[in-house]
Amino acid sequence: MVPVSTSVSRQRSERRIAVHLPMRVRGCDTRGITFEEDTSSENLCRSGAAFLTRFDVAVGSNLEIRIPFSNYACRRAEADFATYGRVIHVRDAASVGEKLVGVQFTGPRFQRVFRSESAA
């Protein structure tokens, strides 16, 4: 069994924004089995994101992350955001069978700006 991190050991340099965007995550679980999952972000910033997954992933593992922009009405055609991320924390989620995973982007950083969904 892989230990579940309960805290982030370093101070975040950017504030995460609560926004739900569709994401496709690909990687290997703790047993070494490759997976691909459609999920959504719980929050994000330019250098990382958190999302729910039903797969067991280990802290330190690397994931491929894609956020499609084709689902949003944009003034100009925009390519999907694609990057890599390193898992920095894994926590049990409120929903049974899911984990909340936090990743730090190790590839391109997220350049879009969003208002928090919790803002009125």
PDB file of N, CA and C in Angstrom:
ATOM      1  N   MET A   1       0.835  -1.171   0.000  1.00  0.00           N
ATOM      2  CA  MET A   1       0.000   0.000   0.000  1.00  0.00           C
ATOM      3  C   MET A   1       0.886   1.243   0.000  1.00  0.00           C
ATOM      4  N   VAL A   2       0.535   2.217  -0.805  1.00  0.00           N
ATOM      5  CA  VAL A   2       1.312   3.435  -0.926  1.00  0.00           C
ATOM      6  C   VAL A   2       0.820   4.449   0.099  1.00  0.00           C
ATOM      7  N   PRO A   3       1.733   5.093   0.845  1.00  0.00           N
ATOM      8  CA  PRO A   3       1.286   6.076   1.830  1.00  0.00           C
ATOM      9  C   PRO A   3       0.604   7.253   1.157  1.00  0.00           C
ATOM     10  N   VAL A   4      -0.384   7.796   1.830  1.00  0.00           N
ATOM     11  CA  VAL A   4      -1.118   8.948   1.323  1.00  0.00           C
ATOM     12  C   VAL A   4      -0.594  10.179   2.034  1.00  0.00           C
ATOM     13  N   SER A   5      -0.179  11.164   1.254  1.00  0.00           N
ATOM     14  CA  SER A   5       0.330  12.411   1.820  1.00  0.00           C
ATOM     15  C   SER A   5      -0.820  13.201   2.424  1.00  0.00           C
ATOM     16  N   THR A   6      -0.598  13.780   3.585  1.00  0.00           N
ATOM     17  CA  THR A   6      -1.642  14.582   4.214  1.00  0.00           C
ATOM     18  C   THR A   6      -1.319  16.059   4.218  1.00  0.00           C
ATOM     19  N   SER A   7      -0.117  16.438   3.802  1.00  0.00           N
ATOM     20  CA  SER A   7       0.211  17.858   3.770  1.00  0.00           C
ATOM     21  C   SER A   7       1.231  18.144   2.689  1.00  0.00           C
ATOM     22  N   VAL A   8       1.230  19.377   2.244  1.00  0.00           N
ATOM     23  CA  VAL A   8       2.217  19.823   1.275  1.00  0.00           C
ATOM     24  C   VAL A   8       3.360  20.437   2.075  1.00  0.00           C
ATOM     25  N   SER A   9       4.580  19.967   1.850  1.00  0.00           N
ATOM     26  CA  SER A   9       5.698  20.364   2.679  1.00  0.00           C
ATOM     27  C   SER A   9       6.284  21.721   2.314  1.00  0.00           C
ATOM     28  N   ARG A  10       5.908  22.301   1.213  1.00  0.00           N
ATOM     29  CA  ARG A  10       6.468  23.592   0.834  1.00  0.00           C
ATOM     30  C   ARG A  10       5.349  24.598   0.618  1.00  0.00           C
ATOM     31  N   GLN A  11       5.695  25.842   0.735  1.00  0.00           N
ATOM     32  CA  GLN A  11       4.725  26.920   0.565  1.00  0.00           C
ATOM     33  C   GLN A  11       4.450  27.122  -0.923  1.00  0.00           C
ATOM     34  N   ARG A  12       3.183  27.256  -1.288  1.00  0.00           N
ATOM     35  CA  ARG A  12       2.843  27.524  -2.682  1.00  0.00           C
ATOM     36  C   ARG A  12       3.219  28.949  -3.034  1.00  0.00           C
ATOM     37  N   SER A  13       3.747  29.128  -4.247  1.00  0.00           N
ATOM     38  CA  SER A  13       4.130  30.472  -4.682  1.00  0.00           C
ATOM     39  C   SER A  13       2.976  31.181  -5.385  1.00  0.00           C
ATOM     40  N   GLU A  14       1.934  30.448  -5.741  1.00  0.00           N
ATOM     41  CA  GLU A  14       0.790  31.035  -6.441  1.00  0.00           C
ATOM     42  C   GLU A  14      -0.499  30.560  -5.782  1.00  0.00           C
ATOM     43  N   ARG A  15      -1.503  31.410  -5.827  1.00  0.00           N
ATOM     44  CA  ARG A  15      -2.808  31.055  -5.279  1.00  0.00           C
ATOM     45  C   ARG A  15      -3.563  30.200  -6.299  1.00  0.00           C
ATOM     46  N   ARG A  16      -4.118  29.090  -5.835  1.00  0.00           N
ATOM     47  CA  ARG A  16      -4.920  28.241  -6.712  1.00  0.00           C
ATOM     48  C   ARG A  16      -6.332  28.806  -6.802  1.00  0.00           C
ATOM     49  N   ILE A  17      -6.922  28.699  -7.988  1.00  0.00           N
ATOM     50  CA  ILE A  17      -8.268  29.189  -8.248  1.00  0.00           C
ATOM     51  C   ILE A  17      -9.200  27.990  -8.358  1.00  0.00           C
ATOM     52  N   ALA A  18     -10.326  28.044  -7.640  1.00  0.00           N
ATOM     53  CA  ALA A  18     -11.317  26.964  -7.726  1.00  0.00           C
ATOM     54  C   ALA A  18     -12.054  27.094  -9.049  1.00  0.00           C
ATOM     55  N   VAL A  19     -11.734  26.223  -9.989  1.00  0.00           N
ATOM     56  CA  VAL A  19     -12.378  26.217 -11.299  1.00  0.00           C
ATOM     57  C   VAL A  19     -12.397  24.776 -11.812  1.00  0.00           C
ATOM     58  N   HIS A  20     -13.544  24.377 -12.360  1.00  0.00           N
ATOM     59  CA  HIS A  20     -13.699  23.023 -12.882  1.00  0.00           C
ATOM     60  C   HIS A  20     -13.586  23.047 -14.403  1.00  0.00           C
ATOM     61  N   LEU A  21     -12.469  22.541 -14.899  1.00  0.00           N
ATOM     62  CA  LEU A  21     -12.230  22.411 -16.335  1.00  0.00           C
ATOM     63  C   LEU A  21     -12.056  20.942 -16.652  1.00  0.00           C
ATOM     64  N   PRO A  22     -12.538  20.512 -17.807  1.00  0.00           N
ATOM     65  CA  PRO A  22     -12.317  19.106 -18.178  1.00  0.00           C
ATOM     66  C   PRO A  22     -10.827  18.846 -18.354  1.00  0.00           C
ATOM     67  N   MET A  23     -10.403  17.678 -17.943  1.00  0.00           N
ATOM     68  CA  MET A  23      -9.003  17.273 -18.063  1.00  0.00           C
ATOM     69  C   MET A  23      -8.940  15.825 -18.520  1.00  0.00           C
ATOM     70  N   ARG A  24      -7.908  15.520 -19.267  1.00  0.00           N
ATOM     71  CA  ARG A  24      -7.578  14.126 -19.576  1.00  0.00           C
ATOM     72  C   ARG A  24      -6.208  13.874 -18.972  1.00  0.00           C
ATOM     73  N   VAL A  25      -6.143  12.854 -18.126  1.00  0.00           N
ATOM     74  CA  VAL A  25      -4.911  12.532 -17.408  1.00  0.00           C
ATOM     75  C   VAL A  25      -4.467  11.131 -17.827  1.00  0.00           C
ATOM     76  N   ARG A  26      -3.178  10.999 -18.086  1.00  0.00           N
ATOM     77  CA  ARG A  26      -2.614   9.708 -18.495  1.00  0.00           C
ATOM     78  C   ARG A  26      -1.348   9.452 -17.685  1.00  0.00           C
ATOM     79  N   GLY A  27      -1.174   8.221 -17.255  1.00  0.00           N
ATOM     80  CA  GLY A  27       0.020   7.864 -16.494  1.00  0.00           C
ATOM     81  C   GLY A  27       0.002   6.413 -16.100  1.00  0.00           C
ATOM     82  N   CYS A  28       0.761   6.073 -15.069  1.00  0.00           N
ATOM     83  CA  CYS A  28       0.804   4.717 -14.518  1.00  0.00           C
ATOM     84  C   CYS A  28       0.349   4.765 -13.078  1.00  0.00           C
ATOM     85  N   ASP A  29      -0.444   3.777 -12.680  1.00  0.00           N
ATOM     86  CA  ASP A  29      -0.879   3.720 -11.289  1.00  0.00           C
ATOM     87  C   ASP A  29       0.215   3.077 -10.442  1.00  0.00           C
ATOM     88  N   THR A  30      -0.077   2.876  -9.162  1.00  0.00           N
ATOM     89  CA  THR A  30       0.928   2.344  -8.242  1.00  0.00           C
ATOM     90  C   THR A  30       1.350   0.919  -8.560  1.00  0.00           C
ATOM     91  N   ARG A  31       0.549   0.200  -9.364  1.00  0.00           N
ATOM     92  CA  ARG A  31       0.904  -1.173  -9.775  1.00  0.00           C
ATOM     93  C   ARG A  31       1.655  -1.195 -11.094  1.00  0.00           C
ATOM     94  N   GLY A  32       1.870   0.004 -11.684  1.00  0.00           N
ATOM     95  CA  GLY A  32       2.586   0.077 -12.957  1.00  0.00           C
ATOM     96  C   GLY A  32       1.691  -0.086 -14.165  1.00  0.00           C
ATOM     97  N   ILE A  33       0.386  -0.083 -13.964  1.00  0.00           N
ATOM     98  CA  ILE A  33      -0.564  -0.241 -15.067  1.00  0.00           C
ATOM     99  C   ILE A  33      -0.904   1.126 -15.639  1.00  0.00           C
ATOM    100  N   THR A  34      -0.780   1.271 -16.957  1.00  0.00           N
ATOM    101  CA  THR A  34      -1.073   2.529 -17.639  1.00  0.00           C
ATOM    102  C   THR A  34      -2.568   2.800 -17.611  1.00  0.00           C
ATOM    103  N   PHE A  35      -2.928   4.045 -17.353  1.00  0.00           N
ATOM    104  CA  PHE A  35      -4.330   4.445 -17.376  1.00  0.00           C
ATOM    105  C   PHE A  35      -4.491   5.770 -18.112  1.00  0.00           C
ATOM    106  N   GLU A  36      -5.701   6.009 -18.547  1.00  0.00           N
ATOM    107  CA  GLU A  36      -6.096   7.294 -19.125  1.00  0.00           C
ATOM    108  C   GLU A  36      -7.490   7.576 -18.600  1.00  0.00           C
ATOM    109  N   GLU A  37      -7.713   8.786 -18.105  1.00  0.00           N
ATOM    110  CA  GLU A  37      -8.982   9.101 -17.460  1.00  0.00           C
ATOM    111  C   GLU A  37      -9.428  10.513 -17.815  1.00  0.00           C
ATOM    112  N   ASP A  38     -10.719  10.652 -18.085  1.00  0.00           N
ATOM    113  CA  ASP A  38     -11.326  11.969 -18.239  1.00  0.00           C
ATOM    114  C   ASP A  38     -11.859  12.378 -16.881  1.00  0.00           C
ATOM    115  N   THR A  39     -11.454  13.549 -16.408  1.00  0.00           N
ATOM    116  CA  THR A  39     -11.852  14.058 -15.104  1.00  0.00           C
ATOM    117  C   THR A  39     -11.990  15.567 -15.235  1.00  0.00           C
ATOM    118  N   SER A  40     -11.968  16.277 -14.122  1.00  0.00           N
ATOM    119  CA  SER A  40     -11.982  17.746 -14.195  1.00  0.00           C
ATOM    120  C   SER A  40     -11.152  18.302 -13.054  1.00  0.00           C
ATOM    121  N   SER A  41     -10.668  19.509 -13.263  1.00  0.00           N
ATOM    122  CA  SER A  41      -9.871  20.159 -12.231  1.00  0.00           C
ATOM    123  C   SER A  41     -10.767  20.553 -11.065  1.00  0.00           C
ATOM    124  N   GLU A  42     -10.206  20.527  -9.883  1.00  0.00           N
ATOM    125  CA  GLU A  42     -10.861  21.065  -8.695  1.00  0.00           C
ATOM    126  C   GLU A  42     -10.371  22.493  -8.477  1.00  0.00           C
ATOM    127  N   ASN A  43      -9.084  22.700  -8.762  1.00  0.00           N
ATOM    128  CA  ASN A  43      -8.486  24.025  -8.712  1.00  0.00           C
ATOM    129  C   ASN A  43      -7.228  23.998  -9.554  1.00  0.00           C
ATOM    130  N   LEU A  44      -6.741  25.192  -9.922  1.00  0.00           N
ATOM    131  CA  LEU A  44      -5.516  25.262 -10.696  1.00  0.00           C
ATOM    132  C   LEU A  44      -4.876  26.628 -10.562  1.00  0.00           C
ATOM    133  N   CYS A  45      -3.610  26.694 -10.946  1.00  0.00           N
ATOM    134  CA  CYS A  45      -2.865  27.939 -11.043  1.00  0.00           C
ATOM    135  C   CYS A  45      -1.919  27.755 -12.228  1.00  0.00           C
ATOM    136  N   ARG A  46      -1.064  28.709 -12.458  1.00  0.00           N
ATOM    137  CA  ARG A  46      -0.161  28.605 -13.613  1.00  0.00           C
ATOM    138  C   ARG A  46       0.804  27.424 -13.503  1.00  0.00           C
ATOM    139  N   SER A  47       1.135  27.029 -12.283  1.00  0.00           N
ATOM    140  CA  SER A  47       2.158  25.994 -12.133  1.00  0.00           C
ATOM    141  C   SER A  47       1.646  24.649 -11.638  1.00  0.00           C
ATOM    142  N   GLY A  48       0.319  24.484 -11.503  1.00  0.00           N
ATOM    143  CA  GLY A  48      -0.165  23.196 -11.044  1.00  0.00           C
ATOM    144  C   GLY A  48      -1.680  23.108 -11.004  1.00  0.00           C
ATOM    145  N   ALA A  49      -2.170  21.935 -10.639  1.00  0.00           N
ATOM    146  CA  ALA A  49      -3.614  21.696 -10.585  1.00  0.00           C
ATOM    147  C   ALA A  49      -3.902  20.583  -9.595  1.00  0.00           C
ATOM    148  N   ALA A  50      -5.162  20.524  -9.174  1.00  0.00           N
ATOM    149  CA  ALA A  50      -5.653  19.405  -8.368  1.00  0.00           C
ATOM    150  C   ALA A  50      -6.877  18.843  -9.072  1.00  0.00           C
ATOM    151  N   PHE A  51      -7.033  17.527  -9.024  1.00  0.00           N
ATOM    152  CA  PHE A  51      -8.152  16.869  -9.689  1.00  0.00           C
ATOM    153  C   PHE A  51      -8.484  15.582  -8.950  1.00  0.00           C
ATOM    154  N   LEU A  52      -9.689  15.076  -9.199  1.00  0.00           N
ATOM    155  CA  LEU A  52     -10.122  13.808  -8.629  1.00  0.00           C
ATOM    156  C   LEU A  52      -9.817  12.679  -9.599  1.00  0.00           C
ATOM    157  N   THR A  53      -9.438  11.536  -9.047  1.00  0.00           N
ATOM    158  CA  THR A  53      -9.203  10.351  -9.868  1.00  0.00           C
ATOM    159  C   THR A  53      -9.638   9.107  -9.101  1.00  0.00           C
ATOM    160  N   ARG A  54      -9.980   8.076  -9.840  1.00  0.00           N
ATOM    161  CA  ARG A  54     -10.319   6.800  -9.210  1.00  0.00           C
ATOM    162  C   ARG A  54      -9.113   5.852  -9.213  1.00  0.00           C
ATOM    163  N   PHE A  55      -7.993   6.307  -9.780  1.00  0.00           N
ATOM    164  CA  PHE A  55      -6.785   5.488  -9.844  1.00  0.00           C
ATOM    165  C   PHE A  55      -5.852   5.819  -8.683  1.00  0.00           C
ATOM    166  N   ASP A  56      -5.103   4.820  -8.232  1.00  0.00           N
ATOM    167  CA  ASP A  56      -4.086   5.036  -7.207  1.00  0.00           C
ATOM    168  C   ASP A  56      -2.814   5.497  -7.892  1.00  0.00           C
ATOM    169  N   VAL A  57      -2.400   6.710  -7.584  1.00  0.00           N
ATOM    170  CA  VAL A  57      -1.141   7.226  -8.130  1.00  0.00           C
ATOM    171  C   VAL A  57      -0.221   7.559  -6.963  1.00  0.00           C
ATOM    172  N   ALA A  58       1.070   7.433  -7.185  1.00  0.00           N
ATOM    173  CA  ALA A  58       2.051   7.639  -6.125  1.00  0.00           C
ATOM    174  C   ALA A  58       2.608   9.053  -6.172  1.00  0.00           C
ATOM    175  N   VAL A  59       2.887   9.595  -4.991  1.00  0.00           N
ATOM    176  CA  VAL A  59       3.586  10.870  -4.907  1.00  0.00           C
ATOM    177  C   VAL A  59       4.918  10.718  -5.633  1.00  0.00           C
ATOM    178  N   GLY A  60       5.256  11.682  -6.475  1.00  0.00           N
ATOM    179  CA  GLY A  60       6.490  11.636  -7.251  1.00  0.00           C
ATOM    180  C   GLY A  60       6.321  11.086  -8.650  1.00  0.00           C
ATOM    181  N   SER A  61       5.179  10.453  -8.928  1.00  0.00           N
ATOM    182  CA  SER A  61       4.982   9.910 -10.281  1.00  0.00           C
ATOM    183  C   SER A  61       4.677  11.031 -11.268  1.00  0.00           C
ATOM    184  N   ASN A  62       4.928  10.752 -12.538  1.00  0.00           N
ATOM    185  CA  ASN A  62       4.731  11.732 -13.608  1.00  0.00           C
ATOM    186  C   ASN A  62       3.487  11.399 -14.410  1.00  0.00           C
ATOM    187  N   LEU A  63       2.733  12.428 -14.755  1.00  0.00           N
ATOM    188  CA  LEU A  63       1.495  12.274 -15.511  1.00  0.00           C
ATOM    189  C   LEU A  63       1.497  13.193 -16.718  1.00  0.00           C
ATOM    190  N   GLU A  64       0.780  12.785 -17.752  1.00  0.00           N
ATOM    191  CA  GLU A  64       0.500  13.655 -18.897  1.00  0.00           C
ATOM    192  C   GLU A  64      -0.864  14.281 -18.651  1.00  0.00           C
ATOM    193  N   ILE A  65      -0.977  15.581 -18.911  1.00  0.00           N
ATOM    194  CA  ILE A  65      -2.218  16.307 -18.631  1.00  0.00           C
ATOM    195  C   ILE A  65      -2.612  17.111 -19.854  1.00  0.00           C
ATOM    196  N   ARG A  66      -3.897  17.032 -20.199  1.00  0.00           N
ATOM    197  CA  ARG A  66      -4.429  17.820 -21.323  1.00  0.00           C
ATOM    198  C   ARG A  66      -5.725  18.472 -20.873  1.00  0.00           C
ATOM    199  N   ILE A  67      -5.836  19.778 -21.123  1.00  0.00           N
ATOM    200  CA  ILE A  67      -7.063  20.518 -20.851  1.00  0.00           C
ATOM    201  C   ILE A  67      -7.563  21.024 -22.198  1.00  0.00           C
ATOM    202  N   PRO A  68      -8.682  20.478 -22.686  1.00  0.00           N
ATOM    203  CA  PRO A  68      -9.181  20.891 -24.009  1.00  0.00           C
ATOM    204  C   PRO A  68      -9.871  22.248 -23.944  1.00  0.00           C
ATOM    205  N   PHE A  69      -9.559  23.111 -24.898  1.00  0.00           N
ATOM    206  CA  PHE A  69     -10.226  24.406 -24.990  1.00  0.00           C
ATOM    207  C   PHE A  69     -11.326  24.391 -26.041  1.00  0.00           C
ATOM    208  N   SER A  70     -11.436  23.316 -26.801  1.00  0.00           N
ATOM    209  CA  SER A  70     -12.430  23.234 -27.870  1.00  0.00           C
ATOM    210  C   SER A  70     -13.854  23.266 -27.335  1.00  0.00           C
ATOM    211  N   ASN A  71     -14.053  23.002 -26.039  1.00  0.00           N
ATOM    212  CA  ASN A  71     -15.394  23.013 -25.454  1.00  0.00           C
ATOM    213  C   ASN A  71     -15.864  24.406 -25.075  1.00  0.00           C
ATOM    214  N   TYR A  72     -14.993  25.383 -25.187  1.00  0.00           N
ATOM    215  CA  TYR A  72     -15.325  26.733 -24.750  1.00  0.00           C
ATOM    216  C   TYR A  72     -15.411  27.667 -25.938  1.00  0.00           C
ATOM    217  N   ALA A  73     -16.347  28.605 -25.870  1.00  0.00           N
ATOM    218  CA  ALA A  73     -16.466  29.622 -26.915  1.00  0.00           C
ATOM    219  C   ALA A  73     -15.316  30.603 -26.739  1.00  0.00           C
ATOM    220  N   CYS A  74     -14.423  30.614 -27.687  1.00  0.00           N
ATOM    221  CA  CYS A  74     -13.266  31.509 -27.630  1.00  0.00           C
ATOM    222  C   CYS A  74     -13.317  32.458 -28.821  1.00  0.00           C
ATOM    223  N   ARG A  75     -12.749  33.621 -28.632  1.00  0.00           N
ATOM    224  CA  ARG A  75     -12.698  34.599 -29.732  1.00  0.00           C
ATOM    225  C   ARG A  75     -11.811  34.103 -30.861  1.00  0.00           C
ATOM    226  N   ARG A  76     -10.781  33.353 -30.495  1.00  0.00           N
ATOM    227  CA  ARG A  76      -9.871  32.821 -31.521  1.00  0.00           C
ATOM    228  C   ARG A  76      -9.663  31.331 -31.270  1.00  0.00           C
ATOM    229  N   ALA A  77      -9.321  30.625 -32.306  1.00  0.00           N
ATOM    230  CA  ALA A  77      -9.061  29.193 -32.145  1.00  0.00           C
ATOM    231  C   ALA A  77      -7.829  29.028 -31.263  1.00  0.00           C
ATOM    232  N   GLU A  78      -7.928  28.162 -30.292  1.00  0.00           N
ATOM    233  CA  GLU A  78      -6.846  27.953 -29.350  1.00  0.00           C
ATOM    234  C   GLU A  78      -6.555  26.467 -29.249  1.00  0.00           C
ATOM    235  N   ALA A  79      -5.290  26.130 -29.239  1.00  0.00           N
ATOM    236  CA  ALA A  79      -4.905  24.730 -29.087  1.00  0.00           C
ATOM    237  C   ALA A  79      -5.142  24.302 -27.640  1.00  0.00           C
ATOM    238  N   ASP A  80      -5.412  23.017 -27.454  1.00  0.00           N
ATOM    239  CA  ASP A  80      -5.557  22.479 -26.105  1.00  0.00           C
ATOM    240  C   ASP A  80      -4.269  22.710 -25.321  1.00  0.00           C
ATOM    241  N   PHE A  81      -4.400  22.834 -24.007  1.00  0.00           N
ATOM    242  CA  PHE A  81      -3.234  22.950 -23.138  1.00  0.00           C
ATOM    243  C   PHE A  81      -2.752  21.542 -22.837  1.00  0.00           C
ATOM    244  N   ALA A  82      -1.493  21.278 -23.092  1.00  0.00           N
ATOM    245  CA  ALA A  82      -0.915  19.958 -22.821  1.00  0.00           C
ATOM    246  C   ALA A  82       0.401  20.155 -22.081  1.00  0.00           C
ATOM    247  N   THR A  83       0.588  19.375 -21.025  1.00  0.00           N
ATOM    248  CA  THR A  83       1.804  19.482 -20.230  1.00  0.00           C
ATOM    249  C   THR A  83       2.056  18.176 -19.496  1.00  0.00           C
ATOM    250  N   TYR A  84       3.090  18.161 -18.701  1.00  0.00           N
ATOM    251  CA  TYR A  84       3.398  17.050 -17.817  1.00  0.00           C
ATOM    252  C   TYR A  84       3.325  17.565 -16.391  1.00  0.00           C
ATOM    253  N   GLY A  85       3.042  16.679 -15.459  1.00  0.00           N
ATOM    254  CA  GLY A  85       2.986  17.070 -14.060  1.00  0.00           C
ATOM    255  C   GLY A  85       3.547  15.987 -13.165  1.00  0.00           C
ATOM    256  N   ARG A  86       4.124  16.419 -12.049  1.00  0.00           N
ATOM    257  CA  ARG A  86       4.635  15.499 -11.032  1.00  0.00           C
ATOM    258  C   ARG A  86       3.688  15.539  -9.847  1.00  0.00           C
ATOM    259  N   VAL A  87       3.251  14.372  -9.392  1.00  0.00           N
ATOM    260  CA  VAL A  87       2.311  14.284  -8.277  1.00  0.00           C
ATOM    261  C   VAL A  87       3.022  14.731  -7.003  1.00  0.00           C
ATOM    262  N   ILE A  88       2.443  15.753  -6.336  1.00  0.00           N
ATOM    263  CA  ILE A  88       3.051  16.255  -5.101  1.00  0.00           C
ATOM    264  C   ILE A  88       2.231  15.901  -3.863  1.00  0.00           C
ATOM    265  N   HIS A  89       0.947  15.590  -4.053  1.00  0.00           N
ATOM    266  CA  HIS A  89       0.170  15.081  -2.918  1.00  0.00           C
ATOM    267  C   HIS A  89      -1.006  14.259  -3.407  1.00  0.00           C
ATOM    268  N   VAL A  90      -1.408  13.306  -2.567  1.00  0.00           N
ATOM    269  CA  VAL A  90      -2.571  12.451  -2.822  1.00  0.00           C
ATOM    270  C   VAL A  90      -3.337  12.374  -1.515  1.00  0.00           C
ATOM    271  N   ARG A  91      -4.632  12.685  -1.576  1.00  0.00           N
ATOM    272  CA  ARG A  91      -5.483  12.635  -0.384  1.00  0.00           C
ATOM    273  C   ARG A  91      -6.765  11.893  -0.709  1.00  0.00           C
ATOM    274  N   ASP A  92      -7.362  11.287   0.299  1.00  0.00           N
ATOM    275  CA  ASP A  92      -8.680  10.692   0.108  1.00  0.00           C
ATOM    276  C   ASP A  92      -9.667  11.809  -0.188  1.00  0.00           C
ATOM    277  N   ALA A  93     -10.574  11.572  -1.128  1.00  0.00           N
ATOM    278  CA  ALA A  93     -11.601  12.550  -1.485  1.00  0.00           C
ATOM    279  C   ALA A  93     -12.864  12.268  -0.688  1.00  0.00           C
ATOM    280  N   ALA A  94     -13.772  13.226  -0.700  1.00  0.00           N
ATOM    281  CA  ALA A  94     -15.044  13.056   0.009  1.00  0.00           C
ATOM    282  C   ALA A  94     -15.849  11.907  -0.579  1.00  0.00           C
ATOM    283  N   SER A  95     -15.755  11.698  -1.900  1.00  0.00           N
ATOM    284  CA  SER A  95     -16.483  10.611  -2.543  1.00  0.00           C
ATOM    285  C   SER A  95     -15.683   9.310  -2.426  1.00  0.00           C
ATOM    286  N   VAL A  96     -16.367   8.243  -2.082  1.00  0.00           N
ATOM    287  CA  VAL A  96     -15.741   6.943  -1.875  1.00  0.00           C
ATOM    288  C   VAL A  96     -15.093   6.452  -3.172  1.00  0.00           C
ATOM    289  N   GLY A  97     -13.875   5.945  -3.054  1.00  0.00           N
ATOM    290  CA  GLY A  97     -13.192   5.377  -4.210  1.00  0.00           C
ATOM    291  C   GLY A  97     -12.420   6.374  -5.042  1.00  0.00           C
ATOM    292  N   GLU A  98     -12.389   7.634  -4.615  1.00  0.00           N
ATOM    293  CA  GLU A  98     -11.645   8.646  -5.370  1.00  0.00           C
ATOM    294  C   GLU A  98     -10.571   9.280  -4.497  1.00  0.00           C
ATOM    295  N   LYS A  99      -9.559   9.799  -5.156  1.00  0.00           N
ATOM    296  CA  LYS A  99      -8.461  10.508  -4.509  1.00  0.00           C
ATOM    297  C   LYS A  99      -8.387  11.918  -5.100  1.00  0.00           C
ATOM    298  N   LEU A 100      -7.964  12.869  -4.272  1.00  0.00           N
ATOM    299  CA  LEU A 100      -7.663  14.218  -4.743  1.00  0.00           C
ATOM    300  C   LEU A 100      -6.161  14.268  -4.945  1.00  0.00           C
ATOM    301  N   VAL A 101      -5.757  14.530  -6.186  1.00  0.00           N
ATOM    302  CA  VAL A 101      -4.348  14.516  -6.559  1.00  0.00           C
ATOM    303  C   VAL A 101      -3.913  15.924  -6.917  1.00  0.00           C
ATOM    304  N   GLY A 102      -2.797  16.357  -6.347  1.00  0.00           N
ATOM    305  CA  GLY A 102      -2.213  17.648  -6.686  1.00  0.00           C
ATOM    306  C   GLY A 102      -0.961  17.428  -7.503  1.00  0.00           C
ATOM    307  N   VAL A 103      -0.850  18.134  -8.624  1.00  0.00           N
ATOM    308  CA  VAL A 103       0.331  18.012  -9.474  1.00  0.00           C
ATOM    309  C   VAL A 103       0.986  19.374  -9.666  1.00  0.00           C
ATOM    310  N   GLN A 104       2.298  19.346  -9.777  1.00  0.00           N
ATOM    311  CA  GLN A 104       3.065  20.520 -10.151  1.00  0.00           C
ATOM    312  C   GLN A 104       3.459  20.315 -11.605  1.00  0.00           C
ATOM    313  N   PHE A 105       3.142  21.297 -12.456  1.00  0.00           N
ATOM    314  CA  PHE A 105       3.474  21.166 -13.867  1.00  0.00           C
ATOM    315  C   PHE A 105       4.989  21.164 -14.036  1.00  0.00           C
ATOM    316  N   THR A 106       5.490  20.184 -14.776  1.00  0.00           N
ATOM    317  CA  THR A 106       6.912  20.102 -15.080  1.00  0.00           C
ATOM    318  C   THR A 106       7.175  20.449 -16.535  1.00  0.00           C
ATOM    319  N   GLY A 107       6.115  20.584 -17.316  1.00  0.00           N
ATOM    320  CA  GLY A 107       6.215  21.028 -18.699  1.00  0.00           C
ATOM    321  C   GLY A 107       5.708  22.464 -18.784  1.00  0.00           C
ATOM    322  N   PRO A 108       5.082  22.840 -19.887  1.00  0.00           N
ATOM    323  CA  PRO A 108       4.567  24.201 -20.020  1.00  0.00           C
ATOM    324  C   PRO A 108       3.628  24.558 -18.872  1.00  0.00           C
ATOM    325  N   ARG A 109       3.655  25.833 -18.507  1.00  0.00           N
ATOM    326  CA  ARG A 109       2.774  26.336 -17.447  1.00  0.00           C
ATOM    327  C   ARG A 109       1.457  26.808 -18.056  1.00  0.00           C
ATOM    328  N   PHE A 110       0.420  26.816 -17.255  1.00  0.00           N
ATOM    329  CA  PHE A 110      -0.922  27.209 -17.681  1.00  0.00           C
ATOM    330  C   PHE A 110      -0.977  28.734 -17.815  1.00  0.00           C
ATOM    331  N   GLN A 111      -1.388  29.237 -18.972  1.00  0.00           N
ATOM    332  CA  GLN A 111      -1.353  30.675 -19.219  1.00  0.00           C
ATOM    333  C   GLN A 111      -2.719  31.344 -19.238  1.00  0.00           C
ATOM    334  N   ARG A 112      -3.792  30.575 -19.155  1.00  0.00           N
ATOM    335  CA  ARG A 112      -5.138  31.161 -19.148  1.00  0.00           C
ATOM    336  C   ARG A 112      -5.440  31.771 -17.793  1.00  0.00           C
ATOM    337  N   VAL A 113      -6.322  32.757 -17.772  1.00  0.00           N
ATOM    338  CA  VAL A 113      -6.742  33.398 -16.527  1.00  0.00           C
ATOM    339  C   VAL A 113      -8.227  33.156 -16.361  1.00  0.00           C
ATOM    340  N   PHE A 114      -8.631  32.674 -15.179  1.00  0.00           N
ATOM    341  CA  PHE A 114     -10.029  32.399 -14.866  1.00  0.00           C
ATOM    342  C   PHE A 114     -10.380  33.041 -13.548  1.00  0.00           C
ATOM    343  N   ARG A 115     -11.647  33.406 -13.392  1.00  0.00           N
ATOM    344  CA  ARG A 115     -12.160  33.820 -12.093  1.00  0.00           C
ATOM    345  C   ARG A 115     -12.589  32.578 -11.347  1.00  0.00           C
ATOM    346  N   SER A 116     -12.425  32.602 -10.054  1.00  0.00           N
ATOM    347  CA  SER A 116     -12.845  31.487  -9.223  1.00  0.00           C
ATOM    348  C   SER A 116     -14.336  31.268  -9.377  1.00  0.00           C
ATOM    349  N   GLU A 117     -14.756  30.006  -9.434  1.00  0.00           N
ATOM    350  CA  GLU A 117     -16.172  29.689  -9.523  1.00  0.00           C
ATOM    351  C   GLU A 117     -16.886  30.035  -8.231  1.00  0.00           C
ATOM    352  N   SER A 118     -16.168  30.196  -7.137  1.00  0.00           N
ATOM    353  CA  SER A 118     -16.778  30.568  -5.868  1.00  0.00           C
ATOM    354  C   SER A 118     -16.996  32.080  -5.753  1.00  0.00           C
ATOM    355  N   ALA A 119     -16.411  32.877  -6.664  1.00  0.00           N
ATOM    356  CA  ALA A 119     -16.608  34.322  -6.656  1.00  0.00           C
ATOM    357  C   ALA A 119     -17.988  34.653  -7.186  1.00  0.00           C
ATOM    358  N   ALA A 120     -18.631  35.605  -6.569  1.00  0.00           N
ATOM    359  CA  ALA A 120     -20.000  35.963  -6.983  1.00  0.00           C
ATOM    360  C   ALA A 120     -20.007  36.822  -8.211  1.00  0.00           C
TER     361      ALA A 120
END
